[in-house]
Amino acid sequence: MLWLVALIVGVVVIIPVRAFLNRGDQVPKGWMNALEAVVQFIRDSIVKPNVGDKWVMTWSPIILTFFFFILFANGIGMIPIFDLSQEPQIGSY
């Protein structure tokens, strides 16, 4: 299931960012508006107060990666079909 989460994060985050950068337009449109709002909120409200202005650009990518990975992993965990493929736990029948 973690490979599926990594694939979804790649599709939802990396592909729109690359398309935005290749387009050359400085004004985000569509899904990039929402993605930019989330990234900016996390950077300015979570990372910057905790690590300071000097390290904010160093720590932002790893914190954002953790955020999106956990967000999509929790979202996929709520879908019941993925629960069927798990192996039984020790001590369960």
Foldseek 3Di string as FASTA:
>chain_A
DLVVLVVVCCVLPVVQVVVVVVVVDPDDDDPVVVVVVVLVCCLPPPQCVVPHPVCSVVPSVVVVVVVSSVVSVVVVVVDCVVVVPDDDDPPDD
